[in-house]
Amino acid sequence: MDVYLKYYGLDWLAMAASLFAVYLIGNKNRIGFISYILANALWIYLGVFKMQSFGISVGNVFFLMMNLRGFLKWKKDKNNTNKNDD
């Protein structure tokens, strides 16, 4: 049982937040990006402080930036008029 809680459940929480984010974005809900950002922050913390994994940390820094960009771009595009509606 210890193997499942080695990282105090934070890895499970990060995985659940990622899956929830995929679900939300698949349903065209931009809050999914917030869920992804939370998951990325958890993976960065785990990578740096618990797993000592440079790859997990660096990868999730870039994923976090892309998710932040997606969140901001979605907001910007939503406020624009629809260019394809002719």
PDB file of N, CA and C in Angstrom:
ATOM      1  N   MET A   1       0.823  -1.204   0.000  1.00  0.00           N
ATOM      2  CA  MET A   1       0.000   0.000   0.000  1.00  0.00           C
ATOM      3  C   MET A   1       0.861   1.258   0.000  1.00  0.00           C
ATOM      4  N   ASP A   2       2.052   1.184   0.566  1.00  0.00           N
ATOM      5  CA  ASP A   2       2.928   2.348   0.621  1.00  0.00           C
ATOM      6  C   ASP A   2       3.292   2.866  -0.762  1.00  0.00           C
ATOM      7  N   VAL A   3       3.369   1.964  -1.734  1.00  0.00           N
ATOM      8  CA  VAL A   3       3.742   2.380  -3.088  1.00  0.00           C
ATOM      9  C   VAL A   3       2.695   3.320  -3.691  1.00  0.00           C
ATOM     10  N   TYR A   4       1.440   3.185  -3.297  1.00  0.00           N
ATOM     11  CA  TYR A   4       0.374   4.030  -3.835  1.00  0.00           C
ATOM     12  C   TYR A   4       0.375   5.430  -3.217  1.00  0.00           C
ATOM     13  N   LEU A   5       0.937   5.566  -2.038  1.00  0.00           N
ATOM     14  CA  LEU A   5       0.948   6.856  -1.345  1.00  0.00           C
ATOM     15  C   LEU A   5       2.358   7.375  -1.109  1.00  0.00           C
ATOM     16  N   LYS A   6       3.286   6.930  -1.933  1.00  0.00           N
ATOM     17  CA  LYS A   6       4.694   7.316  -1.781  1.00  0.00           C
ATOM     18  C   LYS A   6       4.858   8.834  -1.819  1.00  0.00           C
ATOM     19  N   TYR A   7       4.080   9.499  -2.636  1.00  0.00           N
ATOM     20  CA  TYR A   7       4.170  10.954  -2.766  1.00  0.00           C
ATOM     21  C   TYR A   7       2.964  11.639  -2.144  1.00  0.00           C
ATOM     22  N   TYR A   8       2.408  11.024  -1.100  1.00  0.00           N
ATOM     23  CA  TYR A   8       1.317  11.579  -0.301  1.00  0.00           C
ATOM     24  C   TYR A   8       0.044  11.820  -1.112  1.00  0.00           C
ATOM     25  N   GLY A   9      -0.114  11.102  -2.194  1.00  0.00           N
ATOM     26  CA  GLY A   9      -1.299  11.242  -3.023  1.00  0.00           C
ATOM     27  C   GLY A   9      -1.255  12.415  -3.989  1.00  0.00           C
ATOM     28  N   LEU A  10      -0.176  13.191  -3.957  1.00  0.00           N
ATOM     29  CA  LEU A  10      -0.077  14.341  -4.856  1.00  0.00           C
ATOM     30  C   LEU A  10       0.031  13.909  -6.311  1.00  0.00           C
ATOM     31  N   ASP A  11       0.688  12.772  -6.549  1.00  0.00           N
ATOM     32  CA  ASP A  11       0.778  12.258  -7.920  1.00  0.00           C
ATOM     33  C   ASP A  11      -0.599  11.831  -8.427  1.00  0.00           C
ATOM     34  N   TRP A  12      -1.398  11.252  -7.557  1.00  0.00           N
ATOM     35  CA  TRP A  12      -2.753  10.855  -7.929  1.00  0.00           C
ATOM     36  C   TRP A  12      -3.623  12.090  -8.198  1.00  0.00           C
ATOM     37  N   LEU A  13      -3.450  13.108  -7.369  1.00  0.00           N
ATOM     38  CA  LEU A  13      -4.198  14.342  -7.551  1.00  0.00           C
ATOM     39  C   LEU A  13      -3.814  15.009  -8.873  1.00  0.00           C
ATOM     40  N   ALA A  14      -2.523  15.043  -9.184  1.00  0.00           N
ATOM     41  CA  ALA A  14      -2.058  15.630 -10.446  1.00  0.00           C
ATOM     42  C   ALA A  14      -2.610  14.853 -11.640  1.00  0.00           C
ATOM     43  N   MET A  15      -2.608  13.528 -11.541  1.00  0.00           N
ATOM     44  CA  MET A  15      -3.153  12.709 -12.624  1.00  0.00           C
ATOM     45  C   MET A  15      -4.652  12.969 -12.791  1.00  0.00           C
ATOM     46  N   ALA A  16      -5.382  13.033 -11.691  1.00  0.00           N
ATOM     47  CA  ALA A  16      -6.826  13.274 -11.746  1.00  0.00           C
ATOM     48  C   ALA A  16      -7.122  14.656 -12.326  1.00  0.00           C
ATOM     49  N   ALA A  17      -6.337  15.655 -11.935  1.00  0.00           N
ATOM     50  CA  ALA A  17      -6.532  17.009 -12.471  1.00  0.00           C
ATOM     51  C   ALA A  17      -6.269  17.031 -13.977  1.00  0.00           C
ATOM     52  N   SER A  18      -5.278  16.273 -14.428  1.00  0.00           N
ATOM     53  CA  SER A  18      -4.975  16.199 -15.863  1.00  0.00           C
ATOM     54  C   SER A  18      -6.121  15.537 -16.628  1.00  0.00           C
ATOM     55  N   LEU A  19      -6.632  14.439 -16.101  1.00  0.00           N
ATOM     56  CA  LEU A  19      -7.740  13.752 -16.769  1.00  0.00           C
ATOM     57  C   LEU A  19      -9.002  14.613 -16.786  1.00  0.00           C
ATOM     58  N   PHE A  20      -9.254  15.299 -15.684  1.00  0.00           N
ATOM     59  CA  PHE A  20     -10.403  16.198 -15.609  1.00  0.00           C
ATOM     60  C   PHE A  20     -10.255  17.336 -16.625  1.00  0.00           C
ATOM     61  N   ALA A  21      -9.032  17.835 -16.775  1.00  0.00           N
ATOM     62  CA  ALA A  21      -8.759  18.900 -17.738  1.00  0.00           C
ATOM     63  C   ALA A  21      -9.044  18.444 -19.162  1.00  0.00           C
ATOM     64  N   VAL A  22      -8.619  17.234 -19.500  1.00  0.00           N
ATOM     65  CA  VAL A  22      -8.889  16.697 -20.839  1.00  0.00           C
ATOM     66  C   VAL A  22     -10.397  16.625 -21.068  1.00  0.00           C
ATOM     67  N   TYR A  23     -11.117  16.169 -20.079  1.00  0.00           N
ATOM     68  CA  TYR A  23     -12.577  16.083 -20.172  1.00  0.00           C
ATOM     69  C   TYR A  23     -13.189  17.469 -20.400  1.00  0.00           C
ATOM     70  N   LEU A  24     -12.769  18.446 -19.590  1.00  0.00           N
ATOM     71  CA  LEU A  24     -13.331  19.789 -19.704  1.00  0.00           C
ATOM     72  C   LEU A  24     -13.018  20.424 -21.052  1.00  0.00           C
ATOM     73  N   ILE A  25     -11.773  20.335 -21.484  1.00  0.00           N
ATOM     74  CA  ILE A  25     -11.398  20.934 -22.760  1.00  0.00           C
ATOM     75  C   ILE A  25     -12.104  20.221 -23.910  1.00  0.00           C
ATOM     76  N   GLY A  26     -12.271  18.918 -23.789  1.00  0.00           N
ATOM     77  CA  GLY A  26     -13.017  18.172 -24.795  1.00  0.00           C
ATOM     78  C   GLY A  26     -14.459  18.622 -24.909  1.00  0.00           C
ATOM     79  N   ASN A  27     -14.988  19.150 -23.812  1.00  0.00           N
ATOM     80  CA  ASN A  27     -16.353  19.695 -23.802  1.00  0.00           C
ATOM     81  C   ASN A  27     -16.358  21.207 -24.022  1.00  0.00           C
ATOM     82  N   LYS A  28     -15.251  21.736 -24.514  1.00  0.00           N
ATOM     83  CA  LYS A  28     -15.108  23.156 -24.856  1.00  0.00           C
ATOM     84  C   LYS A  28     -15.313  24.074 -23.660  1.00  0.00           C
ATOM     85  N   ASN A  29     -14.770  23.652 -22.521  1.00  0.00           N
ATOM     86  CA  ASN A  29     -14.821  24.451 -21.303  1.00  0.00           C
ATOM     87  C   ASN A  29     -13.394  24.900 -20.986  1.00  0.00           C
ATOM     88  N   ARG A  30     -13.156  26.186 -21.065  1.00  0.00           N
ATOM     89  CA  ARG A  30     -11.787  26.680 -20.899  1.00  0.00           C
ATOM     90  C   ARG A  30     -11.249  26.519 -19.477  1.00  0.00           C
ATOM     91  N   ILE A  31     -12.094  26.221 -18.511  1.00  0.00           N
ATOM     92  CA  ILE A  31     -11.632  25.960 -17.141  1.00  0.00           C
ATOM     93  C   ILE A  31     -10.700  24.742 -17.125  1.00  0.00           C
ATOM     94  N   GLY A  32     -10.785  23.915 -18.150  1.00  0.00           N
ATOM     95  CA  GLY A  32      -9.865  22.782 -18.260  1.00  0.00           C
ATOM     96  C   GLY A  32      -8.416  23.220 -18.242  1.00  0.00           C
ATOM     97  N   PHE A  33      -8.129  24.398 -18.795  1.00  0.00           N
ATOM     98  CA  PHE A  33      -6.752  24.892 -18.766  1.00  0.00           C
ATOM     99  C   PHE A  33      -6.298  25.183 -17.336  1.00  0.00           C
ATOM    100  N   ILE A  34      -7.209  25.661 -16.504  1.00  0.00           N
ATOM    101  CA  ILE A  34      -6.882  25.917 -15.091  1.00  0.00           C
ATOM    102  C   ILE A  34      -6.560  24.592 -14.397  1.00  0.00           C
ATOM    103  N   SER A  35      -7.347  23.580 -14.682  1.00  0.00           N
ATOM    104  CA  SER A  35      -7.100  22.258 -14.111  1.00  0.00           C
ATOM    105  C   SER A  35      -5.736  21.727 -14.558  1.00  0.00           C
ATOM    106  N   TYR A  36      -5.422  21.930 -15.835  1.00  0.00           N
ATOM    107  CA  TYR A  36      -4.103  21.521 -16.337  1.00  0.00           C
ATOM    108  C   TYR A  36      -2.990  22.293 -15.642  1.00  0.00           C
ATOM    109  N   ILE A  37      -3.173  23.584 -15.445  1.00  0.00           N
ATOM    110  CA  ILE A  37      -2.145  24.400 -14.788  1.00  0.00           C
ATOM    111  C   ILE A  37      -1.920  23.919 -13.364  1.00  0.00           C
ATOM    112  N   LEU A  38      -2.981  23.581 -12.659  1.00  0.00           N
ATOM    113  CA  LEU A  38      -2.858  23.011 -11.314  1.00  0.00           C
ATOM    114  C   LEU A  38      -2.071  21.698 -11.363  1.00  0.00           C
ATOM    115  N   ALA A  39      -2.420  20.842 -12.315  1.00  0.00           N
ATOM    116  CA  ALA A  39      -1.714  19.564 -12.457  1.00  0.00           C
ATOM    117  C   ALA A  39      -0.240  19.792 -12.777  1.00  0.00           C
ATOM    118  N   ASN A  40       0.044  20.737 -13.682  1.00  0.00           N
ATOM    119  CA  ASN A  40       1.433  21.032 -14.027  1.00  0.00           C
ATOM    120  C   ASN A  40       2.209  21.521 -12.823  1.00  0.00           C
ATOM    121  N   ALA A  41       1.597  22.394 -12.023  1.00  0.00           N
ATOM    122  CA  ALA A  41       2.267  22.900 -10.821  1.00  0.00           C
ATOM    123  C   ALA A  41       2.568  21.756  -9.850  1.00  0.00           C
ATOM    124  N   LEU A  42       1.629  20.846  -9.700  1.00  0.00           N
ATOM    125  CA  LEU A  42       1.864  19.680  -8.827  1.00  0.00           C
ATOM    126  C   LEU A  42       2.999  18.811  -9.365  1.00  0.00           C
ATOM    127  N   TRP A  43       3.026  18.564 -10.684  1.00  0.00           N
ATOM    128  CA  TRP A  43       4.087  17.748 -11.266  1.00  0.00           C
ATOM    129  C   TRP A  43       5.447  18.440 -11.141  1.00  0.00           C
ATOM    130  N   ILE A  44       5.472  19.762 -11.270  1.00  0.00           N
ATOM    131  CA  ILE A  44       6.734  20.491 -11.091  1.00  0.00           C
ATOM    132  C   ILE A  44       7.223  20.322  -9.659  1.00  0.00           C
ATOM    133  N   TYR A  45       6.321  20.512  -8.702  1.00  0.00           N
ATOM    134  CA  TYR A  45       6.688  20.327  -7.292  1.00  0.00           C
ATOM    135  C   TYR A  45       7.205  18.916  -7.040  1.00  0.00           C
ATOM    136  N   LEU A  46       6.460  17.933  -7.528  1.00  0.00           N
ATOM    137  CA  LEU A  46       6.885  16.540  -7.326  1.00  0.00           C
ATOM    138  C   LEU A  46       8.224  16.266  -8.002  1.00  0.00           C
ATOM    139  N   GLY A  47       8.393  16.761  -9.209  1.00  0.00           N
ATOM    140  CA  GLY A  47       9.638  16.529  -9.938  1.00  0.00           C
ATOM    141  C   GLY A  47      10.843  17.128  -9.243  1.00  0.00           C
ATOM    142  N   VAL A  48      10.681  18.326  -8.696  1.00  0.00           N
ATOM    143  CA  VAL A  48      11.806  19.009  -8.053  1.00  0.00           C
ATOM    144  C   VAL A  48      12.069  18.470  -6.651  1.00  0.00           C
ATOM    145  N   PHE A  49      11.032  18.385  -5.832  1.00  0.00           N
ATOM    146  CA  PHE A  49      11.235  18.127  -4.406  1.00  0.00           C
ATOM    147  C   PHE A  49      11.070  16.671  -3.979  1.00  0.00           C
ATOM    148  N   LYS A  50      10.308  15.893  -4.694  1.00  0.00           N
ATOM    149  CA  LYS A  50      10.045  14.523  -4.246  1.00  0.00           C
ATOM    150  C   LYS A  50      10.711  13.466  -5.126  1.00  0.00           C
ATOM    151  N   MET A  51      10.672  13.665  -6.445  1.00  0.00           N
ATOM    152  CA  MET A  51      11.187  12.648  -7.361  1.00  0.00           C
ATOM    153  C   MET A  51      12.599  12.961  -7.850  1.00  0.00           C
ATOM    154  N   GLN A  52      13.035  14.203  -7.656  1.00  0.00           N
ATOM    155  CA  GLN A  52      14.318  14.667  -8.167  1.00  0.00           C
ATOM    156  C   GLN A  52      14.456  14.338  -9.662  1.00  0.00           C
ATOM    157  N   SER A  53      13.412  14.644 -10.411  1.00  0.00           N
ATOM    158  CA  SER A  53      13.372  14.365 -11.846  1.00  0.00           C
ATOM    159  C   SER A  53      13.369  15.669 -12.625  1.00  0.00           C
ATOM    160  N   PHE A  54      14.516  15.972 -13.222  1.00  0.00           N
ATOM    161  CA  PHE A  54      14.662  17.180 -14.018  1.00  0.00           C
ATOM    162  C   PHE A  54      13.716  17.156 -15.220  1.00  0.00           C
ATOM    163  N   GLY A  55      13.557  15.993 -15.827  1.00  0.00           N
ATOM    164  CA  GLY A  55      12.699  15.858 -17.001  1.00  0.00           C
ATOM    165  C   GLY A  55      11.245  16.174 -16.712  1.00  0.00           C
ATOM    166  N   ILE A  56      10.723  15.635 -15.633  1.00  0.00           N
ATOM    167  CA  ILE A  56       9.328  15.905 -15.252  1.00  0.00           C
ATOM    168  C   ILE A  56       9.146  17.396 -14.975  1.00  0.00           C
ATOM    169  N   SER A  57      10.094  17.976 -14.280  1.00  0.00           N
ATOM    170  CA  SER A  57       9.993  19.395 -13.924  1.00  0.00           C
ATOM    171  C   SER A  57      10.038  20.292 -15.151  1.00  0.00           C
ATOM    172  N   VAL A  58      11.041  20.110 -15.988  1.00  0.00           N
ATOM    173  CA  VAL A  58      11.193  20.967 -17.167  1.00  0.00           C
ATOM    174  C   VAL A  58      10.028  20.776 -18.130  1.00  0.00           C
ATOM    175  N   GLY A  59       9.652  19.529 -18.369  1.00  0.00           N
ATOM    176  CA  GLY A  59       8.532  19.261 -19.264  1.00  0.00           C
ATOM    177  C   GLY A  59       7.268  19.949 -18.806  1.00  0.00           C
ATOM    178  N   ASN A  60       6.996  19.902 -17.520  1.00  0.00           N
ATOM    179  CA  ASN A  60       5.764  20.499 -17.000  1.00  0.00           C
ATOM    180  C   ASN A  60       5.831  22.017 -16.921  1.00  0.00           C
ATOM    181  N   VAL A  61       7.022  22.596 -16.854  1.00  0.00           N
ATOM    182  CA  VAL A  61       7.133  24.056 -16.960  1.00  0.00           C
ATOM    183  C   VAL A  61       6.645  24.488 -18.339  1.00  0.00           C
ATOM    184  N   PHE A  62       7.083  23.754 -19.380  1.00  0.00           N
ATOM    185  CA  PHE A  62       6.644  24.087 -20.733  1.00  0.00           C
ATOM    186  C   PHE A  62       5.150  23.804 -20.932  1.00  0.00           C
ATOM    187  N   PHE A  63       4.660  22.690 -20.386  1.00  0.00           N
ATOM    188  CA  PHE A  63       3.231  22.399 -20.477  1.00  0.00           C
ATOM    189  C   PHE A  63       2.416  23.487 -19.772  1.00  0.00           C
ATOM    190  N   LEU A  64       2.888  23.941 -18.624  1.00  0.00           N
ATOM    191  CA  LEU A  64       2.196  24.993 -17.893  1.00  0.00           C
ATOM    192  C   LEU A  64       2.117  26.258 -18.740  1.00  0.00           C
ATOM    193  N   MET A  65       3.222  26.625 -19.380  1.00  0.00           N
ATOM    194  CA  MET A  65       3.217  27.826 -20.225  1.00  0.00           C
ATOM    195  C   MET A  65       2.253  27.669 -21.399  1.00  0.00           C
ATOM    196  N   MET A  66       2.211  26.486 -22.000  1.00  0.00           N
ATOM    197  CA  MET A  66       1.282  26.262 -23.115  1.00  0.00           C
ATOM    198  C   MET A  66      -0.168  26.304 -22.650  1.00  0.00           C
ATOM    199  N   ASN A  67      -0.427  25.779 -21.464  1.00  0.00           N
ATOM    200  CA  ASN A  67      -1.792  25.814 -20.934  1.00  0.00           C
ATOM    201  C   ASN A  67      -2.209  27.227 -20.564  1.00  0.00           C
ATOM    202  N   LEU A  68      -1.287  28.005 -20.030  1.00  0.00           N
ATOM    203  CA  LEU A  68      -1.581  29.409 -19.739  1.00  0.00           C
ATOM    204  C   LEU A  68      -1.868  30.155 -21.037  1.00  0.00           C
ATOM    205  N   ARG A  69      -1.071  29.901 -22.063  1.00  0.00           N
ATOM    206  CA  ARG A  69      -1.302  30.507 -23.372  1.00  0.00           C
ATOM    207  C   ARG A  69      -2.675  30.112 -23.921  1.00  0.00           C
ATOM    208  N   GLY A  70      -3.021  28.840 -23.809  1.00  0.00           N
ATOM    209  CA  GLY A  70      -4.322  28.371 -24.283  1.00  0.00           C
ATOM    210  C   GLY A  70      -5.466  29.053 -23.562  1.00  0.00           C
ATOM    211  N   PHE A  71      -5.318  29.195 -22.245  1.00  0.00           N
ATOM    212  CA  PHE A  71      -6.351  29.860 -21.451  1.00  0.00           C
ATOM    213  C   PHE A  71      -6.521  31.311 -21.888  1.00  0.00           C
ATOM    214  N   LEU A  72      -5.407  32.024 -22.027  1.00  0.00           N
ATOM    215  CA  LEU A  72      -5.463  33.432 -22.403  1.00  0.00           C
ATOM    216  C   LEU A  72      -5.938  33.614 -23.842  1.00  0.00           C
ATOM    217  N   LYS A  73      -5.487  32.770 -24.729  1.00  0.00           N
ATOM    218  CA  LYS A  73      -5.886  32.876 -26.134  1.00  0.00           C
ATOM    219  C   LYS A  73      -7.371  32.568 -26.291  1.00  0.00           C
ATOM    220  N   TRP A  74      -7.864  31.589 -25.564  1.00  0.00           N
ATOM    221  CA  TRP A  74      -9.287  31.254 -25.621  1.00  0.00           C
ATOM    222  C   TRP A  74     -10.114  32.477 -25.229  1.00  0.00           C
ATOM    223  N   LYS A  75      -9.695  33.151 -24.168  1.00  0.00           N
ATOM    224  CA  LYS A  75     -10.395  34.343 -23.701  1.00  0.00           C
ATOM    225  C   LYS A  75     -10.354  35.430 -24.772  1.00  0.00           C
ATOM    226  N   LYS A  76      -9.194  35.634 -25.360  1.00  0.00           N
ATOM    227  CA  LYS A  76      -9.028  36.662 -26.384  1.00  0.00           C
ATOM    228  C   LYS A  76      -9.869  36.346 -27.611  1.00  0.00           C
ATOM    229  N   ASP A  77      -9.832  35.109 -28.078  1.00  0.00           N
ATOM    230  CA  ASP A  77     -10.589  34.718 -29.261  1.00  0.00           C
ATOM    231  C   ASP A  77     -12.094  34.790 -29.012  1.00  0.00           C
ATOM    232  N   LYS A  78     -12.512  34.495 -27.782  1.00  0.00           N
ATOM    233  CA  LYS A  78     -13.938  34.502 -27.469  1.00  0.00           C
ATOM    234  C   LYS A  78     -14.513  35.919 -27.551  1.00  0.00           C
ATOM    235  N   ASN A  79     -13.700  36.915 -27.230  1.00  0.00           N
ATOM    236  CA  ASN A  79     -14.162  38.300 -27.262  1.00  0.00           C
ATOM    237  C   ASN A  79     -14.157  38.886 -28.667  1.00  0.00           C
ATOM    238  N   ASN A  80     -13.440  38.287 -29.598  1.00  0.00           N
ATOM    239  CA  ASN A  80     -13.409  38.768 -30.977  1.00  0.00           C
ATOM    240  C   ASN A  80     -14.691  38.360 -31.697  1.00  0.00           C
ATOM    241  N   THR A  81     -15.002  39.082 -32.743  1.00  0.00           N
ATOM    242  CA  THR A  81     -16.134  38.659 -33.560  1.00  0.00           C
ATOM    243  C   THR A  81     -15.739  37.445 -34.358  1.00  0.00           C
ATOM    244  N   ASN A  82     -16.699  36.622 -34.709  1.00  0.00           N
ATOM    245  CA  ASN A  82     -16.415  35.426 -35.482  1.00  0.00           C
ATOM    246  C   ASN A  82     -16.052  35.818 -36.903  1.00  0.00           C
ATOM    247  N   LYS A  83     -14.821  35.559 -37.270  1.00  0.00           N
ATOM    248  CA  LYS A  83     -14.322  35.934 -38.591  1.00  0.00           C
ATOM    249  C   LYS A  83     -14.847  35.000 -39.675  1.00  0.00           C
ATOM    250  N   ASN A  84     -15.168  33.784 -39.323  1.00  0.00           N
ATOM    251  CA  ASN A  84     -15.604  32.798 -40.309  1.00  0.00           C
ATOM    252  C   ASN A  84     -17.111  32.794 -40.532  1.00  0.00           C
ATOM    253  N   ASP A  85     -17.836  33.573 -39.771  1.00  0.00           N
ATOM    254  CA  ASP A  85     -19.291  33.634 -39.928  1.00  0.00           C
ATOM    255  C   ASP A  85     -19.647  34.677 -40.977  1.00  0.00           C
ATOM    256  N   ASP A  86     -19.795  34.258 -42.199  1.00  0.00           N
ATOM    257  CA  ASP A  86     -20.150  35.164 -43.297  1.00  0.00           C
ATOM    258  C   ASP A  86     -21.543  34.901 -43.772  1.00  0.00           C
TER     259      ASP A  86
END
